Each structure stands twice: as structure tokens, then as C-alpha cells.
Amino acid sequence: MNEKRKIERLKKNNEVTITIVSDGETNSKGKVVLGHSMDVSVMGTKIQVNYFLPVDSLLKIDFTFKDLYNKITAIGRVKWIKTIFGDESYEAGVEFVNLSPEEIEKQVNYISNEC
């Protein structure tokens, strides 16, 4: 299958720490969830978590790469969610929003060097 995407993507799994900024439910605001990122680009990422994140949830995502110099924090909005295993494992597509030019540059450099 040919890759149709024009933006480079980092396919490696990396640990992420997700803080729920807003999900429409006041009881989830501030909740911290651990997970993994997959298929990261400067536009967004796919994440795997063990907590259901409703579409349009606003998240703060802290990426932990092998090289701590390249730690990246991004704000993203859940665009889709898919159940992987019962109510224990989910994959979600997250689109980054309000990423600073410095964070974009860090991410582009890291992804380019790892691909």
C-alpha cells in the first residue's frame, strides 16, 4: 500500500502522559492518563490509552522520547476514538492545536532524524 500522506511520520511507540483539559465532563478535567503514541506527525498523533476519551476532548500531551532533550508538550483535540479491547484499551486520533513554532520545529527535527 502506498503512503498518501505528505507529512513525515514517526512510527515508533513513545510513552505519553495525557492530562485531560476538557472533555465535556467536569469529573474528568485534570485526570492524568498514561499511554503510547504511534504514527506521530507535526499535525497530530495516534495514541493508545486505557481510558475512553470522548471526541472533541482537549488534551495536554507530554511526549517522552528516548532523548530527553527532545521532550515535547502539545495540546490536541480528539478527532476519533476506537475500542481495541472491551473497555480496557482504546486508540484515538489527536489533532494538535495551538502548537508553538518552537515546538513544531523541535518535532519536525526529531521526526526527520528518526525516520
C-alpha atoms as a PDB file:
ATOM      1  CA  MET A   1       0.000   0.000   0.000  1.00  0.00           C
ATOM      2  CA  ASN A   2       1.375   3.406  -0.959  1.00  0.00           C
ATOM      3  CA  GLU A   3       1.563   6.068   1.719  1.00  0.00           C
ATOM      4  CA  LYS A   4      -0.582   9.007   0.580  1.00  0.00           C
ATOM      5  CA  ARG A   5       0.344  11.321   3.420  1.00  0.00           C
ATOM      6  CA  LYS A   6       2.761  14.100   2.514  1.00  0.00           C
ATOM      7  CA  ILE A   7       3.993  14.788   6.049  1.00  0.00           C
ATOM      8  CA  GLU A   8       6.684  12.568   7.552  1.00  0.00           C
ATOM      9  CA  ARG A   9       5.501  10.405  10.428  1.00  0.00           C
ATOM     10  CA  LEU A  10       7.371   8.812  13.285  1.00  0.00           C
ATOM     11  CA  LYS A  11       6.118   5.221  13.536  1.00  0.00           C
ATOM     12  CA  LYS A  12       7.911   4.307  16.799  1.00  0.00           C
ATOM     13  CA  ASN A  13       5.931   3.912  20.015  1.00  0.00           C
ATOM     14  CA  ASN A  14       6.741   6.501  22.656  1.00  0.00           C
ATOM     15  CA  GLU A  15       5.362   6.916  26.139  1.00  0.00           C
ATOM     16  CA  VAL A  16       2.947   9.799  26.647  1.00  0.00           C
ATOM     17  CA  THR A  17       1.392  11.382  29.684  1.00  0.00           C
ATOM     18  CA  ILE A  18      -2.012  12.863  28.906  1.00  0.00           C
ATOM     19  CA  THR A  19      -3.796  15.408  31.044  1.00  0.00           C
ATOM     20  CA  ILE A  20      -7.460  15.944  30.190  1.00  0.00           C
ATOM     21  CA  VAL A  21      -8.038  19.682  29.848  1.00  0.00           C
ATOM     22  CA  SER A  22     -11.692  19.410  28.843  1.00  0.00           C
ATOM     23  CA  ASP A  23     -13.978  16.569  27.755  1.00  0.00           C
ATOM     24  CA  GLY A  24     -17.442  17.915  28.491  1.00  0.00           C
ATOM     25  CA  GLU A  25     -17.498  16.143  31.862  1.00  0.00           C
ATOM     26  CA  THR A  26     -16.324  18.082  34.890  1.00  0.00           C
ATOM     27  CA  ASN A  27     -15.274  14.916  36.735  1.00  0.00           C
ATOM     28  CA  SER A  28     -12.577  14.077  34.145  1.00  0.00           C
ATOM     29  CA  LYS A  29     -10.923  17.507  33.961  1.00  0.00           C
ATOM     30  CA  GLY A  30      -7.346  17.260  35.223  1.00  0.00           C
ATOM     31  CA  LYS A  31      -7.282  13.450  35.061  1.00  0.00           C
ATOM     32  CA  VAL A  32      -3.870  12.079  34.063  1.00  0.00           C
ATOM     33  CA  VAL A  33      -3.696   9.061  31.761  1.00  0.00           C
ATOM     34  CA  LEU A  34      -0.601   7.144  30.659  1.00  0.00           C
ATOM     35  CA  GLY A  35      -0.379   5.734  27.160  1.00  0.00           C
ATOM     36  CA  HIS A  36       1.663   5.381  23.985  1.00  0.00           C
ATOM     37  CA  SER A  37       1.883   7.485  20.875  1.00  0.00           C
ATOM     38  CA  MET A  38       2.082   5.945  17.432  1.00  0.00           C
ATOM     39  CA  ASP A  39       2.269   7.499  14.000  1.00  0.00           C
ATOM     40  CA  VAL A  40       3.332  10.989  15.163  1.00  0.00           C
ATOM     41  CA  SER A  41       3.480  13.934  12.756  1.00  0.00           C
ATOM     42  CA  VAL A  42       3.604  17.690  13.221  1.00  0.00           C
ATOM     43  CA  MET A  43      -0.167  17.739  12.665  1.00  0.00           C
ATOM     44  CA  GLY A  44      -1.172  15.099  15.212  1.00  0.00           C
ATOM     45  CA  THR A  45      -0.737  11.590  16.540  1.00  0.00           C
ATOM     46  CA  LYS A  46      -2.494   8.318  17.155  1.00  0.00           C
ATOM     47  CA  ILE A  47      -2.442   7.318  20.814  1.00  0.00           C
ATOM     48  CA  GLN A  48      -3.251   4.117  22.651  1.00  0.00           C
ATOM     49  CA  VAL A  49      -4.710   4.513  26.155  1.00  0.00           C
ATOM     50  CA  ASN A  50      -6.723   2.548  28.699  1.00  0.00           C
ATOM     51  CA  TYR A  51      -9.241   5.346  29.257  1.00  0.00           C
ATOM     52  CA  PHE A  52     -12.109   6.414  26.972  1.00  0.00           C
ATOM     53  CA  LEU A  53     -11.542   9.928  25.612  1.00  0.00           C
ATOM     54  CA  PRO A  54     -14.679  11.424  24.031  1.00  0.00           C
ATOM     55  CA  VAL A  55     -14.383  13.045  20.590  1.00  0.00           C
ATOM     56  CA  ASP A  56     -13.565  16.775  20.909  1.00  0.00           C
ATOM     57  CA  SER A  57     -11.820  16.268  24.270  1.00  0.00           C
ATOM     58  CA  LEU A  58      -8.963  18.741  24.702  1.00  0.00           C
ATOM     59  CA  LEU A  59      -5.747  17.098  25.908  1.00  0.00           C
ATOM     60  CA  LYS A  60      -2.300  18.164  27.057  1.00  0.00           C
ATOM     61  CA  ILE A  61       0.135  15.509  25.825  1.00  0.00           C
ATOM     62  CA  ASP A  62       3.687  15.183  27.150  1.00  0.00           C
ATOM     63  CA  PHE A  63       5.778  13.001  24.849  1.00  0.00           C
ATOM     64  CA  THR A  64       8.720  11.152  26.371  1.00  0.00           C
ATOM     65  CA  PHE A  65      11.251  10.348  23.686  1.00  0.00           C
ATOM     66  CA  LYS A  66      14.464   8.382  24.223  1.00  0.00           C
ATOM     67  CA  ASP A  67      16.407  11.628  24.124  1.00  0.00           C
ATOM     68  CA  LEU A  68      15.055  13.821  26.935  1.00  0.00           C
ATOM     69  CA  TYR A  69      16.371  16.892  25.098  1.00  0.00           C
ATOM     70  CA  ASN A  70      13.510  16.367  22.655  1.00  0.00           C
ATOM     71  CA  LYS A  71      10.681  16.267  25.193  1.00  0.00           C
ATOM     72  CA  ILE A  72       7.617  17.797  23.572  1.00  0.00           C
ATOM     73  CA  THR A  73       4.373  19.024  25.089  1.00  0.00           C
ATOM     74  CA  ALA A  74       1.407  19.557  22.784  1.00  0.00           C
ATOM     75  CA  ILE A  75      -2.251  20.453  23.094  1.00  0.00           C
ATOM     76  CA  GLY A  76      -4.532  18.316  20.968  1.00  0.00           C
ATOM     77  CA  ARG A  77      -8.176  17.583  20.281  1.00  0.00           C
ATOM     78  CA  VAL A  78      -9.526  14.032  19.939  1.00  0.00           C
ATOM     79  CA  LYS A  79     -10.848  13.574  16.391  1.00  0.00           C
ATOM     80  CA  TRP A  80     -11.813   9.884  16.621  1.00  0.00           C
ATOM     81  CA  ILE A  81     -11.750   7.033  19.124  1.00  0.00           C
ATOM     82  CA  LYS A  82     -11.834   3.278  18.545  1.00  0.00           C
ATOM     83  CA  THR A  83     -12.201   0.448  21.057  1.00  0.00           C
ATOM     84  CA  ILE A  84      -9.329  -2.047  20.814  1.00  0.00           C
ATOM     85  CA  PHE A  85     -10.257  -4.400  23.661  1.00  0.00           C
ATOM     86  CA  GLY A  86     -13.547  -4.141  25.547  1.00  0.00           C
ATOM     87  CA  ASP A  87     -13.486  -1.104  27.785  1.00  0.00           C
ATOM     88  CA  GLU A  88      -9.810  -1.592  28.617  1.00  0.00           C
ATOM     89  CA  SER A  89      -7.910  -0.320  25.568  1.00  0.00           C
ATOM     90  CA  TYR A  90      -8.580   2.415  23.024  1.00  0.00           C
ATOM     91  CA  GLU A  91      -6.893   4.089  20.066  1.00  0.00           C
ATOM     92  CA  ALA A  92      -7.577   7.741  19.397  1.00  0.00           C
ATOM     93  CA  GLY A  93      -6.614  10.179  16.673  1.00  0.00           C
ATOM     94  CA  VAL A  94      -5.487  13.513  18.069  1.00  0.00           C
ATOM     95  CA  GLU A  95      -5.043  16.705  16.049  1.00  0.00           C
ATOM     96  CA  PHE A  96      -2.603  19.199  17.541  1.00  0.00           C
ATOM     97  CA  VAL A  97      -3.880  22.720  18.190  1.00  0.00           C
ATOM     98  CA  ASN A  98      -2.034  25.874  19.239  1.00  0.00           C
ATOM     99  CA  LEU A  99       1.425  24.316  18.855  1.00  0.00           C
ATOM    100  CA  SER A 100       4.110  26.993  19.205  1.00  0.00           C
ATOM    101  CA  PRO A 101       6.596  27.497  16.348  1.00  0.00           C
ATOM    102  CA  GLU A 102       9.382  26.277  18.669  1.00  0.00           C
ATOM    103  CA  GLU A 103       7.524  23.050  19.460  1.00  0.00           C
ATOM    104  CA  ILE A 104       6.786  22.489  15.753  1.00  0.00           C
ATOM    105  CA  GLU A 105      10.468  22.968  14.916  1.00  0.00           C
ATOM    106  CA  LYS A 106      11.519  20.533  17.678  1.00  0.00           C
ATOM    107  CA  GLN A 107       9.016  17.977  16.431  1.00  0.00           C
ATOM    108  CA  VAL A 108       9.999  18.331  12.755  1.00  0.00           C
ATOM    109  CA  ASN A 109      13.682  17.944  13.635  1.00  0.00           C
ATOM    110  CA  TYR A 110      13.077  14.911  15.832  1.00  0.00           C
ATOM    111  CA  ILE A 111      10.822  13.165  13.326  1.00  0.00           C
ATOM    112  CA  SER A 112      13.203  13.908  10.422  1.00  0.00           C
ATOM    113  CA  ASN A 113      16.161  12.483  12.331  1.00  0.00           C
ATOM    114  CA  GLU A 114      14.279   9.324  13.376  1.00  0.00           C
ATOM    115  CA  CYS A 115      12.639   8.477  10.033  1.00  0.00           C
END
